[in-house]
PDB file of N, CA and C in Angstrom:
ATOM      1  N   MET A   1     174.412  68.437 -88.230  1.00  0.00           N
ATOM      2  CA  MET A   1     175.283  69.175 -87.356  1.00  0.00           C
ATOM      3  C   MET A   1     175.581  68.337 -86.112  1.00  0.00           C
ATOM      4  N   ASN A   2     176.857  68.258 -85.783  1.00  0.00           N
ATOM      5  CA  ASN A   2     177.295  67.493 -84.618  1.00  0.00           C
ATOM      6  C   ASN A   2     178.072  68.374 -83.660  1.00  0.00           C
ATOM      7  N   LYS A   3     177.919  68.093 -82.371  1.00  0.00           N
ATOM      8  CA  LYS A   3     178.739  68.776 -81.373  1.00  0.00           C
ATOM      9  C   LYS A   3     180.121  68.131 -81.391  1.00  0.00           C
ATOM     10  N   ILE A   4     181.148  68.959 -81.413  1.00  0.00           N
ATOM     11  CA  ILE A   4     182.528  68.480 -81.424  1.00  0.00           C
ATOM     12  C   ILE A   4     183.248  69.080 -80.225  1.00  0.00           C
ATOM     13  N   GLU A   5     183.781  68.229 -79.354  1.00  0.00           N
ATOM     14  CA  GLU A   5     184.576  68.680 -78.216  1.00  0.00           C
ATOM     15  C   GLU A   5     185.999  68.903 -78.698  1.00  0.00           C
ATOM     16  N   LEU A   6     186.529  70.110 -78.466  1.00  0.00           N
ATOM     17  CA  LEU A   6     187.839  70.469 -79.003  1.00  0.00           C
ATOM     18  C   LEU A   6     188.967  70.374 -77.989  1.00  0.00           C
ATOM     19  N   CYS A   7     188.781  70.945 -76.817  1.00  0.00           N
ATOM     20  CA  CYS A   7     189.853  70.969 -75.827  1.00  0.00           C
ATOM     21  C   CYS A   7     189.279  71.406 -74.486  1.00  0.00           C
ATOM     22  N   ASN A   8     190.091  71.334 -73.467  1.00  0.00           N
ATOM     23  CA  ASN A   8     189.708  71.834 -72.153  1.00  0.00           C
ATOM     24  C   ASN A   8     189.984  73.336 -72.125  1.00  0.00           C
ATOM     25  N   VAL A   9     189.174  74.090 -71.400  1.00  0.00           N
ATOM     26  CA  VAL A   9     189.401  75.542 -71.325  1.00  0.00           C
ATOM     27  C   VAL A   9     190.791  75.866 -70.766  1.00  0.00           C
ATOM     28  N   SER A  10     191.313  75.008 -69.923  1.00  0.00           N
ATOM     29  CA  SER A  10     192.644  75.248 -69.336  1.00  0.00           C
ATOM     30  C   SER A  10     193.781  75.032 -70.338  1.00  0.00           C
ATOM     31  N   ASP A  11     193.477  74.474 -71.512  1.00  0.00           N
ATOM     32  CA  ASP A  11     194.500  74.245 -72.540  1.00  0.00           C
ATOM     33  C   ASP A  11     194.893  75.517 -73.279  1.00  0.00           C
ATOM     34  N   VAL A  12     194.063  76.570 -73.170  1.00  0.00           N
ATOM     35  CA  VAL A  12     194.305  77.799 -73.922  1.00  0.00           C
ATOM     36  C   VAL A  12     194.281  78.988 -72.960  1.00  0.00           C
ATOM     37  N   GLU A  13     195.446  79.544 -72.690  1.00  0.00           N
ATOM     38  CA  GLU A  13     195.549  80.686 -71.785  1.00  0.00           C
ATOM     39  C   GLU A  13     195.016  81.949 -72.456  1.00  0.00           C
ATOM     40  N   ILE A  14     194.644  82.926 -71.648  1.00  0.00           N
ATOM     41  CA  ILE A  14     194.149  84.201 -72.168  1.00  0.00           C
ATOM     42  C   ILE A  14     195.189  84.812 -73.103  1.00  0.00           C
ATOM     43  N   GLY A  15     194.715  85.256 -74.271  1.00  0.00           N
ATOM     44  CA  GLY A  15     195.600  85.860 -75.268  1.00  0.00           C
ATOM     45  C   GLY A  15     196.351  84.858 -76.115  1.00  0.00           C
ATOM     46  N   GLN A  16     196.021  83.577 -75.975  1.00  0.00           N
ATOM     47  CA  GLN A  16     196.722  82.519 -76.717  1.00  0.00           C
ATOM     48  C   GLN A  16     195.747  81.762 -77.617  1.00  0.00           C
ATOM     49  N   SER A  17     196.285  80.851 -78.407  1.00  0.00           N
ATOM     50  CA  SER A  17     195.470  80.023 -79.288  1.00  0.00           C
ATOM     51  C   SER A  17     196.016  78.605 -79.315  1.00  0.00           C
ATOM     52  N   LEU A  18     195.214  77.701 -79.843  1.00  0.00           N
ATOM     53  CA  LEU A  18     195.572  76.293 -79.916  1.00  0.00           C
ATOM     54  C   LEU A  18     195.043  75.723 -81.217  1.00  0.00           C
ATOM     55  N   LYS A  19     195.886  74.987 -81.926  1.00  0.00           N
ATOM     56  CA  LYS A  19     195.461  74.298 -83.142  1.00  0.00           C
ATOM     57  C   LYS A  19     194.853  72.955 -82.740  1.00  0.00           C
ATOM     58  N   VAL A  20     193.662  72.674 -83.277  1.00  0.00           N
ATOM     59  CA  VAL A  20     192.969  71.423 -82.986  1.00  0.00           C
ATOM     60  C   VAL A  20     192.502  70.814 -84.296  1.00  0.00           C
ATOM     61  N   GLU A  21     192.805  69.531 -84.483  1.00  0.00           N
ATOM     62  CA  GLU A  21     192.340  68.803 -85.662  1.00  0.00           C
ATOM     63  C   GLU A  21     191.357  67.738 -85.210  1.00  0.00           C
ATOM     64  N   LYS A  22     190.097  67.892 -85.637  1.00  0.00           N
ATOM     65  CA  LYS A  22     189.035  66.963 -85.241  1.00  0.00           C
ATOM     66  C   LYS A  22     188.026  66.836 -86.364  1.00  0.00           C
ATOM     67  N   ASN A  23     187.547  65.637 -86.577  1.00  0.00           N
ATOM     68  CA  ASN A  23     186.464  65.366 -87.540  1.00  0.00           C
ATOM     69  C   ASN A  23     186.741  65.971 -88.915  1.00  0.00           C
ATOM     70  N   GLY A  24     187.990  65.926 -89.353  1.00  0.00           N
ATOM     71  CA  GLY A  24     188.361  66.443 -90.664  1.00  0.00           C
ATOM     72  C   GLY A  24     188.519  67.962 -90.714  1.00  0.00           C
ATOM     73  N   LEU A  25     188.370  68.632 -89.594  1.00  0.00           N
ATOM     74  CA  LEU A  25     188.528  70.081 -89.534  1.00  0.00           C
ATOM     75  C   LEU A  25     189.868  70.436 -88.896  1.00  0.00           C
ATOM     76  N   VAL A  26     190.474  71.507 -89.373  1.00  0.00           N
ATOM     77  CA  VAL A  26     191.680  72.044 -88.758  1.00  0.00           C
ATOM     78  C   VAL A  26     191.296  73.435 -88.251  1.00  0.00           C
ATOM     79  N   LEU A  27     191.282  73.575 -86.928  1.00  0.00           N
ATOM     80  CA  LEU A  27     190.705  74.745 -86.284  1.00  0.00           C
ATOM     81  C   LEU A  27     191.712  75.463 -85.390  1.00  0.00           C
ATOM     82  N   ALA A  28     191.422  76.733 -85.142  1.00  0.00           N
ATOM     83  CA  ALA A  28     192.173  77.523 -84.167  1.00  0.00           C
ATOM     84  C   ALA A  28     191.198  77.898 -83.057  1.00  0.00           C
ATOM     85  N   VAL A  29     191.564  77.563 -81.828  1.00  0.00           N
ATOM     86  CA  VAL A  29     190.774  77.927 -80.655  1.00  0.00           C
ATOM     87  C   VAL A  29     191.479  79.106 -80.000  1.00  0.00           C
ATOM     88  N   PHE A  30     190.762  80.224 -79.845  1.00  0.00           N
ATOM     89  CA  PHE A  30     191.325  81.442 -79.268  1.00  0.00           C
ATOM     90  C   PHE A  30     190.670  81.735 -77.925  1.00  0.00           C
ATOM     91  N   ASN A  31     191.471  82.229 -76.977  1.00  0.00           N
ATOM     92  CA  ASN A  31     190.964  82.701 -75.697  1.00  0.00           C
ATOM     93  C   ASN A  31     191.169  84.217 -75.672  1.00  0.00           C
ATOM     94  N   VAL A  32     190.083  84.954 -75.829  1.00  0.00           N
ATOM     95  CA  VAL A  32     190.132  86.417 -75.837  1.00  0.00           C
ATOM     96  C   VAL A  32     189.518  86.902 -74.531  1.00  0.00           C
ATOM     97  N   GLU A  33     190.379  87.299 -73.604  1.00  0.00           N
ATOM     98  CA  GLU A  33     189.954  87.811 -72.298  1.00  0.00           C
ATOM     99  C   GLU A  33     188.992  86.854 -71.592  1.00  0.00           C
ATOM    100  N   GLY A  34     189.269  85.546 -71.686  1.00  0.00           N
ATOM    101  CA  GLY A  34     188.463  84.544 -71.002  1.00  0.00           C
ATOM    102  C   GLY A  34     187.277  84.035 -71.790  1.00  0.00           C
ATOM    103  N   GLU A  35     187.042  84.588 -72.968  1.00  0.00           N
ATOM    104  CA  GLU A  35     185.963  84.132 -73.844  1.00  0.00           C
ATOM    105  C   GLU A  35     186.589  83.358 -75.004  1.00  0.00           C
ATOM    106  N   PHE A  36     185.967  82.249 -75.383  1.00  0.00           N
ATOM    107  CA  PHE A  36     186.550  81.376 -76.395  1.00  0.00           C
ATOM    108  C   PHE A  36     185.882  81.563 -77.753  1.00  0.00           C
ATOM    109  N   PHE A  37     186.732  81.532 -78.787  1.00  0.00           N
ATOM    110  CA  PHE A  37     186.285  81.664 -80.168  1.00  0.00           C
ATOM    111  C   PHE A  37     187.006  80.616 -80.992  1.00  0.00           C
ATOM    112  N   VAL A  38     186.335  80.109 -82.026  1.00  0.00           N
ATOM    113  CA  VAL A  38     186.925  79.084 -82.888  1.00  0.00           C
ATOM    114  C   VAL A  38     186.756  79.509 -84.337  1.00  0.00           C
ATOM    115  N   THR A  39     187.864  79.419 -85.085  1.00  0.00           N
ATOM    116  CA  THR A  39     187.868  79.717 -86.518  1.00  0.00           C
ATOM    117  C   THR A  39     188.586  78.581 -87.236  1.00  0.00           C
ATOM    118  N   ASP A  40     188.480  78.589 -88.564  1.00  0.00           N
ATOM    119  CA  ASP A  40     189.365  77.723 -89.336  1.00  0.00           C
ATOM    120  C   ASP A  40     190.789  78.164 -89.034  1.00  0.00           C
ATOM    121  N   ASP A  41     191.721  77.227 -89.035  1.00  0.00           N
ATOM    122  CA  ASP A  41     193.114  77.578 -88.732  1.00  0.00           C
ATOM    123  C   ASP A  41     193.829  78.172 -89.937  1.00  0.00           C
ATOM    124  N   LEU A  42     193.441  77.788 -91.125  1.00  0.00           N
ATOM    125  CA  LEU A  42     194.128  78.228 -92.334  1.00  0.00           C
ATOM    126  C   LEU A  42     193.659  79.613 -92.749  1.00  0.00           C
ATOM    127  N   CYS A  43     194.601  80.508 -92.960  1.00  0.00           N
ATOM    128  CA  CYS A  43     194.302  81.845 -93.460  1.00  0.00           C
ATOM    129  C   CYS A  43     193.596  81.736 -94.810  1.00  0.00           C
ATOM    130  N   THR A  44     192.677  82.645 -95.087  1.00  0.00           N
ATOM    131  CA  THR A  44     191.954  82.610 -96.366  1.00  0.00           C
ATOM    132  C   THR A  44     192.797  83.148 -97.518  1.00  0.00           C
ATOM    133  N   HIS A  45     193.954  83.716 -97.218  1.00  0.00           N
ATOM    134  CA  HIS A  45     194.797  84.301 -98.261  1.00  0.00           C
ATOM    135  C   HIS A  45     195.968  83.415 -98.659  1.00  0.00           C
ATOM    136  N   GLY A  46     196.479  82.624 -97.750  1.00  0.00           N
ATOM    137  CA  GLY A  46     197.650  81.812 -98.048  1.00  0.00           C
ATOM    138  C   GLY A  46     197.793  80.701 -97.036  1.00  0.00           C
ATOM    139  N   PRO A  47     198.934  80.040 -97.030  1.00  0.00           N
ATOM    140  CA  PRO A  47     199.105  78.855 -96.187  1.00  0.00           C
ATOM    141  C   PRO A  47     199.443  79.128 -94.718  1.00  0.00           C
ATOM    142  N   GLY A  48     199.160  80.314 -94.224  1.00  0.00           N
ATOM    143  CA  GLY A  48     199.488  80.640 -92.838  1.00  0.00           C
ATOM    144  C   GLY A  48     198.573  79.945 -91.843  1.00  0.00           C
ATOM    145  N   SER A  49     199.146  79.509 -90.733  1.00  0.00           N
ATOM    146  CA  SER A  49     198.392  78.902 -89.637  1.00  0.00           C
ATOM    147  C   SER A  49     198.040  79.999 -88.633  1.00  0.00           C
ATOM    148  N   LEU A  50     196.752  80.244 -88.438  1.00  0.00           N
ATOM    149  CA  LEU A  50     196.343  81.333 -87.544  1.00  0.00           C
ATOM    150  C   LEU A  50     196.602  81.003 -86.081  1.00  0.00           C
ATOM    151  N   SER A  51     196.611  79.722 -85.738  1.00  0.00           N
ATOM    152  CA  SER A  51     196.909  79.355 -84.349  1.00  0.00           C
ATOM    153  C   SER A  51     198.376  79.599 -84.003  1.00  0.00           C
ATOM    154  N   GLU A  52     199.203  79.775 -85.008  1.00  0.00           N
ATOM    155  CA  GLU A  52     200.627  80.047 -84.802  1.00  0.00           C
ATOM    156  C   GLU A  52     200.969  81.500 -85.112  1.00  0.00           C
ATOM    157  N   SER A  53     199.957  82.343 -85.196  1.00  0.00           N
ATOM    158  CA  SER A  53     200.133  83.729 -85.606  1.00  0.00           C
ATOM    159  C   SER A  53     200.068  84.677 -84.412  1.00  0.00           C
ATOM    160  N   TYR A  54     200.320  85.941 -84.686  1.00  0.00           N
ATOM    161  CA  TYR A  54     200.355  86.984 -83.662  1.00  0.00           C
ATOM    162  C   TYR A  54     198.933  87.411 -83.287  1.00  0.00           C
ATOM    163  N   ILE A  55     198.644  87.468 -81.991  1.00  0.00           N
ATOM    164  CA  ILE A  55     197.318  87.850 -81.493  1.00  0.00           C
ATOM    165  C   ILE A  55     197.460  89.113 -80.649  1.00  0.00           C
ATOM    166  N   LEU A  56     196.597  90.083 -80.931  1.00  0.00           N
ATOM    167  CA  LEU A  56     196.518  91.297 -80.118  1.00  0.00           C
ATOM    168  C   LEU A  56     195.041  91.590 -79.881  1.00  0.00           C
ATOM    169  N   ASP A  57     194.634  91.479 -78.624  1.00  0.00           N
ATOM    170  CA  ASP A  57     193.229  91.651 -78.248  1.00  0.00           C
ATOM    171  C   ASP A  57     192.369  90.650 -79.033  1.00  0.00           C
ATOM    172  N   ASP A  58     191.468  91.135 -79.918  1.00  0.00           N
ATOM    173  CA  ASP A  58     190.621  90.215 -80.680  1.00  0.00           C
ATOM    174  C   ASP A  58     190.991  90.174 -82.167  1.00  0.00           C
ATOM    175  N   ILE A  59     192.258  90.492 -82.454  1.00  0.00           N
ATOM    176  CA  ILE A  59     192.770  90.476 -83.828  1.00  0.00           C
ATOM    177  C   ILE A  59     193.897  89.459 -83.934  1.00  0.00           C
ATOM    178  N   VAL A  60     193.845  88.648 -85.003  1.00  0.00           N
ATOM    179  CA  VAL A  60     194.941  87.719 -85.287  1.00  0.00           C
ATOM    180  C   VAL A  60     195.578  88.144 -86.608  1.00  0.00           C
ATOM    181  N   GLU A  61     196.899  88.275 -86.582  1.00  0.00           N
ATOM    182  CA  GLU A  61     197.658  88.660 -87.768  1.00  0.00           C
ATOM    183  C   GLU A  61     198.355  87.429 -88.317  1.00  0.00           C
ATOM    184  N   CYS A  62     198.011  87.045 -89.530  1.00  0.00           N
ATOM    185  CA  CYS A  62     198.567  85.837 -90.150  1.00  0.00           C
ATOM    186  C   CYS A  62     200.089  85.922 -90.243  1.00  0.00           C
ATOM    187  N   ASN A  63     200.725  84.817 -89.932  1.00  0.00           N
ATOM    188  CA  ASN A  63     202.189  84.763 -89.969  1.00  0.00           C
ATOM    189  C   ASN A  63     202.740  84.586 -91.379  1.00  0.00           C
ATOM    190  N   PHE A  64     201.889  84.507 -92.389  1.00  0.00           N
ATOM    191  CA  PHE A  64     202.364  84.295 -93.763  1.00  0.00           C
ATOM    192  C   PHE A  64     202.526  85.612 -94.521  1.00  0.00           C
ATOM    193  N   HIS A  65     201.450  86.395 -94.642  1.00  0.00           N
ATOM    194  CA  HIS A  65     201.521  87.677 -95.359  1.00  0.00           C
ATOM    195  C   HIS A  65     201.086  88.856 -94.506  1.00  0.00           C
ATOM    196  N   ASN A  66     200.890  88.641 -93.214  1.00  0.00           N
ATOM    197  CA  ASN A  66     200.559  89.700 -92.265  1.00  0.00           C
ATOM    198  C   ASN A  66     199.173  90.319 -92.433  1.00  0.00           C
ATOM    199  N   GLY A  67     198.292  89.678 -93.191  1.00  0.00           N
ATOM    200  CA  GLY A  67     196.900  90.118 -93.205  1.00  0.00           C
ATOM    201  C   GLY A  67     196.290  89.771 -91.852  1.00  0.00           C
ATOM    202  N   SER A  68     195.184  90.417 -91.502  1.00  0.00           N
ATOM    203  CA  SER A  68     194.620  90.132 -90.184  1.00  0.00           C
ATOM    204  C   SER A  68     193.097  90.032 -90.219  1.00  0.00           C
ATOM    205  N   PHE A  69     192.584  89.358 -89.175  1.00  0.00           N
ATOM    206  CA  PHE A  69     191.155  89.082 -89.043  1.00  0.00           C
ATOM    207  C   PHE A  69     190.695  89.404 -87.629  1.00  0.00           C
ATOM    208  N   ASN A  70     189.419  89.735 -87.498  1.00  0.00           N
ATOM    209  CA  ASN A  70     188.790  89.834 -86.195  1.00  0.00           C
ATOM    210  C   ASN A  70     188.454  88.415 -85.756  1.00  0.00           C
ATOM    211  N   ILE A  71     188.979  87.981 -84.628  1.00  0.00           N
ATOM    212  CA  ILE A  71     188.779  86.620 -84.131  1.00  0.00           C
ATOM    213  C   ILE A  71     187.306  86.360 -83.827  1.00  0.00           C
ATOM    214  N   LYS A  72     186.604  87.361 -83.329  1.00  0.00           N
ATOM    215  CA  LYS A  72     185.210  87.177 -82.917  1.00  0.00           C
ATOM    216  C   LYS A  72     184.256  87.032 -84.097  1.00  0.00           C
ATOM    217  N   THR A  73     184.515  87.764 -85.185  1.00  0.00           N
ATOM    218  CA  THR A  73     183.576  87.801 -86.306  1.00  0.00           C
ATOM    219  C   THR A  73     184.085  87.141 -87.579  1.00  0.00           C
ATOM    220  N   GLY A  74     185.413  86.990 -87.691  1.00  0.00           N
ATOM    221  CA  GLY A  74     186.001  86.458 -88.921  1.00  0.00           C
ATOM    222  C   GLY A  74     186.210  87.512 -89.993  1.00  0.00           C
ATOM    223  N   GLU A  75     185.778  88.751 -89.723  1.00  0.00           N
ATOM    224  CA  GLU A  75     185.903  89.813 -90.723  1.00  0.00           C
ATOM    225  C   GLU A  75     187.369  90.166 -90.969  1.00  0.00           C
ATOM    226  N   VAL A  76     187.677  90.510 -92.216  1.00  0.00           N
ATOM    227  CA  VAL A  76     189.015  90.948 -92.596  1.00  0.00           C
ATOM    228  C   VAL A  76     189.273  92.316 -91.969  1.00  0.00           C
ATOM    229  N   VAL A  77     190.450  92.457 -91.346  1.00  0.00           N
ATOM    230  CA  VAL A  77     190.849  93.723 -90.735  1.00  0.00           C
ATOM    231  C   VAL A  77     191.882  94.428 -91.602  1.00  0.00           C
ATOM    232  N   SER A  78     192.774  93.655 -92.232  1.00  0.00           N
ATOM    233  CA  SER A  78     193.773  94.293 -93.090  1.00  0.00           C
ATOM    234  C   SER A  78     194.199  93.370 -94.231  1.00  0.00           C
ATOM    235  N   ALA A  79     194.616  94.023 -95.324  1.00  0.00           N
ATOM    236  CA  ALA A  79     195.094  93.333 -96.524  1.00  0.00           C
ATOM    237  C   ALA A  79     196.420  92.645 -96.230  1.00  0.00           C
ATOM    238  N   PRO A  80     196.796  91.660 -96.997  1.00  0.00           N
ATOM    239  CA  PRO A  80     196.234  91.310 -98.296  1.00  0.00           C
ATOM    240  C   PRO A  80     195.015  90.386 -98.234  1.00  0.00           C
ATOM    241  N   CYS A  81     194.545  90.043 -97.069  1.00  0.00           N
ATOM    242  CA  CYS A  81     193.369  89.175 -96.966  1.00  0.00           C
ATOM    243  C   CYS A  81     192.145  89.913 -97.495  1.00  0.00           C
ATOM    244  N   THR A  82     191.289  89.190 -98.211  1.00  0.00           N
ATOM    245  CA  THR A  82     190.053  89.775 -98.720  1.00  0.00           C
ATOM    246  C   THR A  82     188.833  88.931 -98.363  1.00  0.00           C
ATOM    247  N   ASP A  83     189.033  87.647 -98.107  1.00  0.00           N
ATOM    248  CA  ASP A  83     187.923  86.752 -97.804  1.00  0.00           C
ATOM    249  C   ASP A  83     187.778  86.549 -96.306  1.00  0.00           C
ATOM    250  N   ARG A  84     186.557  86.629 -95.837  1.00  0.00           N
ATOM    251  CA  ARG A  84     186.214  86.443 -94.431  1.00  0.00           C
ATOM    252  C   ARG A  84     186.666  85.064 -93.952  1.00  0.00           C
ATOM    253  N   LEU A  85     187.026  84.976 -92.696  1.00  0.00           N
ATOM    254  CA  LEU A  85     187.449  83.738 -92.051  1.00  0.00           C
ATOM    255  C   LEU A  85     186.224  83.032 -91.476  1.00  0.00           C
ATOM    256  N   LYS A  86     186.132  81.716 -91.661  1.00  0.00           N
ATOM    257  CA  LYS A  86     184.996  80.972 -91.123  1.00  0.00           C
ATOM    258  C   LYS A  86     185.117  80.867 -89.602  1.00  0.00           C
ATOM    259  N   THR A  87     184.017  81.165 -88.920  1.00  0.00           N
ATOM    260  CA  THR A  87     183.952  81.061 -87.468  1.00  0.00           C
ATOM    261  C   THR A  87     182.898  80.026 -87.098  1.00  0.00           C
ATOM    262  N   TYR A  88     182.969  79.533 -85.880  1.00  0.00           N
ATOM    263  CA  TYR A  88     182.046  78.498 -85.402  1.00  0.00           C
ATOM    264  C   TYR A  88     181.436  78.935 -84.076  1.00  0.00           C
ATOM    265  N   PRO A  89     180.134  78.651 -83.877  1.00  0.00           N
ATOM    266  CA  PRO A  89     179.523  78.944 -82.577  1.00  0.00           C
ATOM    267  C   PRO A  89     180.156  78.075 -81.491  1.00  0.00           C
ATOM    268  N   VAL A  90     180.495  78.690 -80.374  1.00  0.00           N
ATOM    269  CA  VAL A  90     181.205  78.000 -79.289  1.00  0.00           C
ATOM    270  C   VAL A  90     180.299  77.867 -78.077  1.00  0.00           C
ATOM    271  N   THR A  91     180.361  76.709 -77.440  1.00  0.00           N
ATOM    272  CA  THR A  91     179.755  76.511 -76.130  1.00  0.00           C
ATOM    273  C   THR A  91     180.815  75.915 -75.217  1.00  0.00           C
ATOM    274  N   ILE A  92     180.668  76.164 -73.927  1.00  0.00           N
ATOM    275  CA  ILE A  92     181.547  75.558 -72.932  1.00  0.00           C
ATOM    276  C   ILE A  92     180.687  74.580 -72.135  1.00  0.00           C
ATOM    277  N   GLU A  93     181.069  73.316 -72.145  1.00  0.00           N
ATOM    278  CA  GLU A  93     180.324  72.283 -71.438  1.00  0.00           C
ATOM    279  C   GLU A  93     181.283  71.459 -70.611  1.00  0.00           C
ATOM    280  N   ASN A  94     181.075  71.450 -69.308  1.00  0.00           N
ATOM    281  CA  ASN A  94     181.949  70.697 -68.384  1.00  0.00           C
ATOM    282  C   ASN A  94     183.419  71.044 -68.599  1.00  0.00           C
ATOM    283  N   SER A  95     183.705  72.329 -68.731  1.00  0.00           N
ATOM    284  CA  SER A  95     185.068  72.865 -68.947  1.00  0.00           C
ATOM    285  C   SER A  95     185.671  72.479 -70.289  1.00  0.00           C
ATOM    286  N   LEU A  96     184.843  72.047 -71.232  1.00  0.00           N
ATOM    287  CA  LEU A  96     185.316  71.725 -72.580  1.00  0.00           C
ATOM    288  C   LEU A  96     184.822  72.764 -73.570  1.00  0.00           C
ATOM    289  N   VAL A  97     185.732  73.178 -74.470  1.00  0.00           N
ATOM    290  CA  VAL A  97     185.362  74.067 -75.561  1.00  0.00           C
ATOM    291  C   VAL A  97     184.760  73.200 -76.661  1.00  0.00           C
ATOM    292  N   CYS A  98     183.515  73.518 -77.047  1.00  0.00           N
ATOM    293  CA  CYS A  98     182.799  72.720 -78.040  1.00  0.00           C
ATOM    294  C   CYS A  98     182.267  73.621 -79.150  1.00  0.00           C
ATOM    295  N   ILE A  99     182.144  73.035 -80.346  1.00  0.00           N
ATOM    296  CA  ILE A  99     181.495  73.720 -81.456  1.00  0.00           C
ATOM    297  C   ILE A  99     180.449  72.788 -82.043  1.00  0.00           C
ATOM    298  N   THR A 100     179.584  73.378 -82.861  1.00  0.00           N
ATOM    299  CA  THR A 100     178.645  72.597 -83.657  1.00  0.00           C
ATOM    300  C   THR A 100     179.034  72.797 -85.114  1.00  0.00           C
ATOM    301  N   ALA A 101     179.287  71.689 -85.787  1.00  0.00           N
ATOM    302  CA  ALA A 101     179.703  71.782 -87.203  1.00  0.00           C
ATOM    303  C   ALA A 101     179.123  70.613 -87.979  1.00  0.00           C
TER     304      ALA A 101
END
């Protein structure tokens, strides 16, 4: 497991997301009311990019088939998605959003 620095906290405004590609991973960094969460960027149901999708509170709705996930837990909120979204533990170090993967 390695620590991966993804972005500066100022790169992602509250209620927004950012696509980050690092160390062979394609990730979505979400800012939910000032707290940061990181998931895989690719929807588990189809080719939708979650960092480019609609966000409401802690729910992201995929822009491909409109299935949705809880950003904090990765749990499926609505169909057609059935598989949980991978999430990563986040730390903030020196104003950088970091994960261990």
